[in-house]
Amino acid sequence: MELEKKYYSISETAEMFKVNTSLLRYWEKEFDVLKPYKNKKGDRYFTQDDIRNLQIIYNLTKIKGYTLQGAKDALKQDYQRHYSQSQAVASLLRIKAKLLEIKENLS
């Protein structure tokens, strides 16, 4: 996932991961590594670090099937390994999307 902006709104972030904004709010409460900036109105803006941490949380919970507590424990035990794995998964998903696009254009 290539990040271009400094801050992403909660709706932009939810779209990146194809999840509901309510799930992002829930994960924010559950995971200490998520600390989006909030303006005076309370609107959340996720930084590039938040997006990277969301990639890890998404990979652990949605792809690997960890429970929330399991994902929390995994992050505490070996953050770097899980970060590397989430980066690899994100790359593979981009490749898959590109291949599906090519396949669609061939039809």
N, C-alpha and C. Protein backbone atom coordinates (compact mmCIF):
# COMPACT_ATOMS: atom_id res chain seq x y z
N MET A 1 0.85 -1.16 0.00
CA MET A 1 0.00 0.00 0.00
C MET A 1 0.90 1.24 0.00
N GLU A 2 0.82 2.00 -1.03
CA GLU A 2 1.63 3.21 -1.12
C GLU A 2 0.89 4.36 -0.48
N LEU A 3 1.56 5.00 0.47
CA LEU A 3 0.95 6.11 1.18
C LEU A 3 1.51 7.42 0.64
N GLU A 4 0.62 8.32 0.30
CA GLU A 4 1.03 9.57 -0.31
C GLU A 4 0.78 10.78 0.58
N LYS A 5 -0.25 10.70 1.40
CA LYS A 5 -0.63 11.85 2.22
C LYS A 5 -0.12 11.67 3.65
N LYS A 6 -0.11 12.77 4.38
CA LYS A 6 0.31 12.72 5.78
C LYS A 6 -0.81 12.17 6.67
N TYR A 7 -2.06 12.56 6.38
CA TYR A 7 -3.21 12.12 7.16
C TYR A 7 -4.30 11.59 6.24
N TYR A 8 -5.00 10.56 6.73
CA TYR A 8 -6.12 9.97 5.99
C TYR A 8 -7.35 9.99 6.90
N SER A 9 -8.47 10.42 6.35
CA SER A 9 -9.70 10.43 7.12
C SER A 9 -10.11 9.00 7.45
N ILE A 10 -11.02 8.87 8.39
CA ILE A 10 -11.45 7.53 8.77
C ILE A 10 -12.15 6.83 7.60
N SER A 11 -12.88 7.58 6.78
CA SER A 11 -13.55 6.95 5.63
C SER A 11 -12.53 6.51 4.58
N GLU A 12 -11.50 7.30 4.35
CA GLU A 12 -10.45 6.89 3.41
C GLU A 12 -9.73 5.65 3.92
N THR A 13 -9.47 5.63 5.21
CA THR A 13 -8.78 4.49 5.82
C THR A 13 -9.64 3.24 5.76
N ALA A 14 -10.90 3.38 6.05
CA ALA A 14 -11.82 2.24 5.98
C ALA A 14 -11.88 1.68 4.56
N GLU A 15 -11.87 2.56 3.57
CA GLU A 15 -11.89 2.13 2.18
C GLU A 15 -10.63 1.36 1.82
N MET A 16 -9.48 1.80 2.33
CA MET A 16 -8.22 1.09 2.06
C MET A 16 -8.29 -0.38 2.46
N PHE A 17 -8.94 -0.61 3.61
CA PHE A 17 -8.99 -1.96 4.16
C PHE A 17 -10.32 -2.67 3.88
N LYS A 18 -11.21 -1.97 3.20
CA LYS A 18 -12.53 -2.52 2.88
C LYS A 18 -13.25 -3.00 4.16
N VAL A 19 -13.24 -2.12 5.16
CA VAL A 19 -13.93 -2.40 6.43
C VAL A 19 -14.80 -1.19 6.77
N ASN A 20 -15.67 -1.36 7.75
CA ASN A 20 -16.51 -0.26 8.21
C ASN A 20 -15.72 0.68 9.12
N THR A 21 -16.12 1.93 9.13
CA THR A 21 -15.47 2.89 10.02
C THR A 21 -15.65 2.49 11.48
N SER A 22 -16.76 1.85 11.79
CA SER A 22 -17.00 1.42 13.18
C SER A 22 -15.94 0.40 13.63
N LEU A 23 -15.48 -0.44 12.71
CA LEU A 23 -14.44 -1.40 13.06
C LEU A 23 -13.13 -0.67 13.38
N LEU A 24 -12.82 0.37 12.63
CA LEU A 24 -11.61 1.15 12.91
C LEU A 24 -11.70 1.82 14.28
N ARG A 25 -12.87 2.34 14.61
CA ARG A 25 -13.05 2.96 15.93
C ARG A 25 -12.89 1.92 17.04
N TYR A 26 -13.43 0.74 16.79
CA TYR A 26 -13.30 -0.35 17.77
C TYR A 26 -11.84 -0.75 17.94
N TRP A 27 -11.14 -0.95 16.83
CA TRP A 27 -9.72 -1.32 16.91
C TRP A 27 -8.93 -0.22 17.63
N GLU A 28 -9.29 1.02 17.41
CA GLU A 28 -8.59 2.13 18.08
C GLU A 28 -8.70 1.98 19.60
N LYS A 29 -9.87 1.59 20.08
CA LYS A 29 -10.07 1.39 21.52
C LYS A 29 -9.29 0.18 22.03
N GLU A 30 -9.18 -0.84 21.20
CA GLU A 30 -8.58 -2.10 21.63
C GLU A 30 -7.06 -2.15 21.52
N PHE A 31 -6.48 -1.43 20.57
CA PHE A 31 -5.05 -1.52 20.31
C PHE A 31 -4.36 -0.19 20.64
N ASP A 32 -3.44 -0.25 21.58
CA ASP A 32 -2.72 0.95 22.02
C ASP A 32 -1.86 1.56 20.92
N VAL A 33 -1.47 0.78 19.92
CA VAL A 33 -0.59 1.30 18.85
C VAL A 33 -1.33 2.25 17.91
N LEU A 34 -2.65 2.26 17.96
CA LEU A 34 -3.43 3.16 17.10
C LEU A 34 -3.74 4.44 17.86
N LYS A 35 -3.24 5.53 17.34
CA LYS A 35 -3.46 6.83 17.96
C LYS A 35 -3.73 7.88 16.88
N PRO A 36 -4.89 7.79 16.22
CA PRO A 36 -5.17 8.78 15.18
C PRO A 36 -5.32 10.18 15.77
N TYR A 37 -4.97 11.14 14.98
CA TYR A 37 -5.15 12.55 15.37
C TYR A 37 -6.65 12.84 15.35
N LYS A 38 -7.12 13.59 16.33
CA LYS A 38 -8.52 14.00 16.36
C LYS A 38 -8.57 15.52 16.41
N ASN A 39 -9.37 16.09 15.51
CA ASN A 39 -9.53 17.55 15.53
C ASN A 39 -10.55 17.93 16.60
N LYS A 40 -10.86 19.20 16.70
CA LYS A 40 -11.77 19.69 17.74
C LYS A 40 -13.17 19.10 17.62
N LYS A 41 -13.57 18.76 16.40
CA LYS A 41 -14.88 18.13 16.18
C LYS A 41 -14.86 16.65 16.54
N GLY A 42 -13.67 16.08 16.72
CA GLY A 42 -13.56 14.67 17.03
C GLY A 42 -13.34 13.79 15.81
N ASP A 43 -13.17 14.41 14.63
CA ASP A 43 -12.89 13.64 13.42
C ASP A 43 -11.52 13.00 13.53
N ARG A 44 -11.44 11.74 13.16
CA ARG A 44 -10.18 11.01 13.23
C ARG A 44 -9.41 11.14 11.92
N TYR A 45 -8.11 11.30 12.06
CA TYR A 45 -7.21 11.32 10.91
C TYR A 45 -6.04 10.39 11.22
N PHE A 46 -5.88 9.39 10.37
CA PHE A 46 -4.87 8.37 10.59
C PHE A 46 -3.57 8.75 9.89
N THR A 47 -2.47 8.59 10.63
CA THR A 47 -1.14 8.88 10.08
C THR A 47 -0.64 7.65 9.32
N GLN A 48 0.48 7.80 8.66
CA GLN A 48 1.08 6.67 7.96
C GLN A 48 1.46 5.56 8.94
N ASP A 49 1.92 5.93 10.14
CA ASP A 49 2.22 4.91 11.16
C ASP A 49 0.95 4.16 11.57
N ASP A 50 -0.15 4.89 11.72
CA ASP A 50 -1.42 4.23 12.04
C ASP A 50 -1.82 3.25 10.94
N ILE A 51 -1.64 3.66 9.69
CA ILE A 51 -2.00 2.79 8.56
C ILE A 51 -1.15 1.52 8.59
N ARG A 52 0.13 1.67 8.86
CA ARG A 52 1.01 0.49 8.95
C ARG A 52 0.56 -0.44 10.08
N ASN A 53 0.20 0.15 11.22
CA ASN A 53 -0.28 -0.66 12.33
C ASN A 53 -1.62 -1.32 12.01
N LEU A 54 -2.47 -0.61 11.28
CA LEU A 54 -3.73 -1.22 10.85
C LEU A 54 -3.49 -2.38 9.90
N GLN A 55 -2.47 -2.28 9.06
CA GLN A 55 -2.14 -3.40 8.17
C GLN A 55 -1.82 -4.64 8.99
N ILE A 56 -1.05 -4.46 10.05
CA ILE A 56 -0.68 -5.59 10.90
C ILE A 56 -1.92 -6.16 11.57
N ILE A 57 -2.73 -5.28 12.16
CA ILE A 57 -3.94 -5.74 12.86
C ILE A 57 -4.88 -6.44 11.89
N TYR A 58 -5.05 -5.87 10.70
CA TYR A 58 -5.90 -6.48 9.69
C TYR A 58 -5.37 -7.87 9.31
N ASN A 59 -4.08 -7.96 9.08
CA ASN A 59 -3.47 -9.23 8.70
C ASN A 59 -3.67 -10.28 9.79
N LEU A 60 -3.44 -9.89 11.03
CA LEU A 60 -3.58 -10.85 12.13
C LEU A 60 -5.02 -11.28 12.34
N THR A 61 -5.96 -10.33 12.31
CA THR A 61 -7.34 -10.66 12.65
C THR A 61 -8.15 -11.17 11.46
N LYS A 62 -8.02 -10.54 10.32
CA LYS A 62 -8.87 -10.89 9.18
C LYS A 62 -8.28 -11.98 8.30
N ILE A 63 -6.97 -12.02 8.18
CA ILE A 63 -6.35 -13.00 7.29
C ILE A 63 -5.90 -14.24 8.06
N LYS A 64 -5.22 -14.03 9.18
CA LYS A 64 -4.73 -15.17 9.96
C LYS A 64 -5.75 -15.70 10.96
N GLY A 65 -6.79 -14.93 11.24
CA GLY A 65 -7.86 -15.40 12.11
C GLY A 65 -7.57 -15.31 13.60
N TYR A 66 -6.64 -14.46 14.00
CA TYR A 66 -6.35 -14.28 15.42
C TYR A 66 -7.55 -13.64 16.11
N THR A 67 -7.72 -13.97 17.38
CA THR A 67 -8.67 -13.23 18.20
C THR A 67 -8.04 -11.86 18.50
N LEU A 68 -8.84 -10.95 19.03
CA LEU A 68 -8.28 -9.64 19.38
C LEU A 68 -7.17 -9.78 20.42
N GLN A 69 -7.40 -10.61 21.43
CA GLN A 69 -6.37 -10.79 22.45
C GLN A 69 -5.14 -11.46 21.84
N GLY A 70 -5.34 -12.41 20.95
CA GLY A 70 -4.21 -13.05 20.28
C GLY A 70 -3.41 -12.07 19.44
N ALA A 71 -4.11 -11.16 18.77
CA ALA A 71 -3.42 -10.15 17.97
C ALA A 71 -2.66 -9.18 18.87
N LYS A 72 -3.25 -8.79 19.98
CA LYS A 72 -2.56 -7.91 20.93
C LYS A 72 -1.29 -8.56 21.44
N ASP A 73 -1.41 -9.83 21.83
CA ASP A 73 -0.25 -10.56 22.34
C ASP A 73 0.83 -10.69 21.28
N ALA A 74 0.42 -11.00 20.06
CA ALA A 74 1.38 -11.15 18.96
C ALA A 74 2.13 -9.84 18.70
N LEU A 75 1.42 -8.72 18.74
CA LEU A 75 2.06 -7.42 18.54
C LEU A 75 3.08 -7.13 19.63
N LYS A 76 2.75 -7.48 20.86
CA LYS A 76 3.66 -7.23 21.97
C LYS A 76 4.90 -8.13 21.88
N GLN A 77 4.71 -9.37 21.44
CA GLN A 77 5.81 -10.33 21.42
C GLN A 77 6.78 -10.11 20.27
N ASP A 78 6.27 -9.85 19.07
CA ASP A 78 7.15 -9.77 17.91
C ASP A 78 6.58 -8.83 16.85
N TYR A 79 6.57 -7.55 17.17
CA TYR A 79 6.01 -6.54 16.28
C TYR A 79 6.67 -6.56 14.91
N GLN A 80 7.98 -6.60 14.86
CA GLN A 80 8.72 -6.49 13.60
C GLN A 80 8.39 -7.64 12.65
N ARG A 81 8.32 -8.85 13.17
CA ARG A 81 7.99 -10.00 12.32
C ARG A 81 6.59 -9.86 11.74
N HIS A 82 5.65 -9.44 12.55
CA HIS A 82 4.28 -9.29 12.07
C HIS A 82 4.16 -8.12 11.10
N TYR A 83 4.96 -7.09 11.30
CA TYR A 83 4.98 -5.97 10.36
C TYR A 83 5.48 -6.46 9.00
N SER A 84 6.56 -7.21 8.99
CA SER A 84 7.11 -7.74 7.73
C SER A 84 6.11 -8.65 7.02
N GLN A 85 5.45 -9.49 7.79
CA GLN A 85 4.45 -10.38 7.20
C GLN A 85 3.28 -9.60 6.61
N SER A 86 2.83 -8.56 7.31
CA SER A 86 1.70 -7.78 6.80
C SER A 86 2.09 -7.05 5.52
N GLN A 87 3.33 -6.60 5.43
CA GLN A 87 3.82 -5.96 4.21
C GLN A 87 3.81 -6.95 3.05
N ALA A 88 4.24 -8.17 3.31
CA ALA A 88 4.25 -9.20 2.27
C ALA A 88 2.83 -9.52 1.80
N VAL A 89 1.92 -9.63 2.73
CA VAL A 89 0.52 -9.92 2.38
C VAL A 89 -0.06 -8.77 1.55
N ALA A 90 0.22 -7.55 1.95
CA ALA A 90 -0.29 -6.39 1.20
C ALA A 90 0.26 -6.39 -0.22
N SER A 91 1.53 -6.73 -0.38
CA SER A 91 2.13 -6.80 -1.73
C SER A 91 1.46 -7.88 -2.56
N LEU A 92 1.24 -9.03 -1.96
CA LEU A 92 0.59 -10.12 -2.70
C LEU A 92 -0.84 -9.76 -3.09
N LEU A 93 -1.54 -9.07 -2.23
CA LEU A 93 -2.91 -8.66 -2.56
C LEU A 93 -2.92 -7.66 -3.71
N ARG A 94 -1.94 -6.76 -3.75
CA ARG A 94 -1.83 -5.81 -4.87
C ARG A 94 -1.55 -6.56 -6.16
N ILE A 95 -0.66 -7.55 -6.10
CA ILE A 95 -0.33 -8.34 -7.29
C ILE A 95 -1.57 -9.10 -7.76
N LYS A 96 -2.30 -9.69 -6.82
CA LYS A 96 -3.51 -10.42 -7.18
C LYS A 96 -4.52 -9.51 -7.87
N ALA A 97 -4.72 -8.31 -7.32
CA ALA A 97 -5.66 -7.36 -7.91
C ALA A 97 -5.23 -6.98 -9.32
N LYS A 98 -3.94 -6.77 -9.51
CA LYS A 98 -3.42 -6.41 -10.84
C LYS A 98 -3.63 -7.56 -11.82
N LEU A 99 -3.36 -8.78 -11.38
CA LEU A 99 -3.55 -9.94 -12.26
C LEU A 99 -5.03 -10.13 -12.62
N LEU A 100 -5.91 -9.92 -11.65
CA LEU A 100 -7.34 -10.03 -11.95
C LEU A 100 -7.79 -8.95 -12.93
N GLU A 101 -7.19 -7.75 -12.80
CA GLU A 101 -7.49 -6.68 -13.74
C GLU A 101 -7.03 -7.05 -15.14
N ILE A 102 -5.85 -7.61 -15.25
CA ILE A 102 -5.32 -8.04 -16.56
C ILE A 102 -6.20 -9.12 -17.15
N LYS A 103 -6.60 -10.08 -16.31
CA LYS A 103 -7.46 -11.17 -16.77
C LYS A 103 -8.80 -10.61 -17.29
N GLU A 104 -9.34 -9.65 -16.58
CA GLU A 104 -10.61 -9.03 -16.97
C GLU A 104 -10.47 -8.33 -18.33
N ASN A 105 -9.35 -7.67 -18.53
CA ASN A 105 -9.12 -6.96 -19.80
C ASN A 105 -8.89 -7.89 -20.97
N LEU A 106 -8.47 -9.12 -20.70
CA LEU A 106 -8.26 -10.10 -21.76
C LEU A 106 -9.57 -10.73 -22.23
N SER A 107 -10.56 -10.69 -21.39
CA SER A 107 -11.86 -11.34 -21.71
C SER A 107 -12.64 -10.55 -22.72
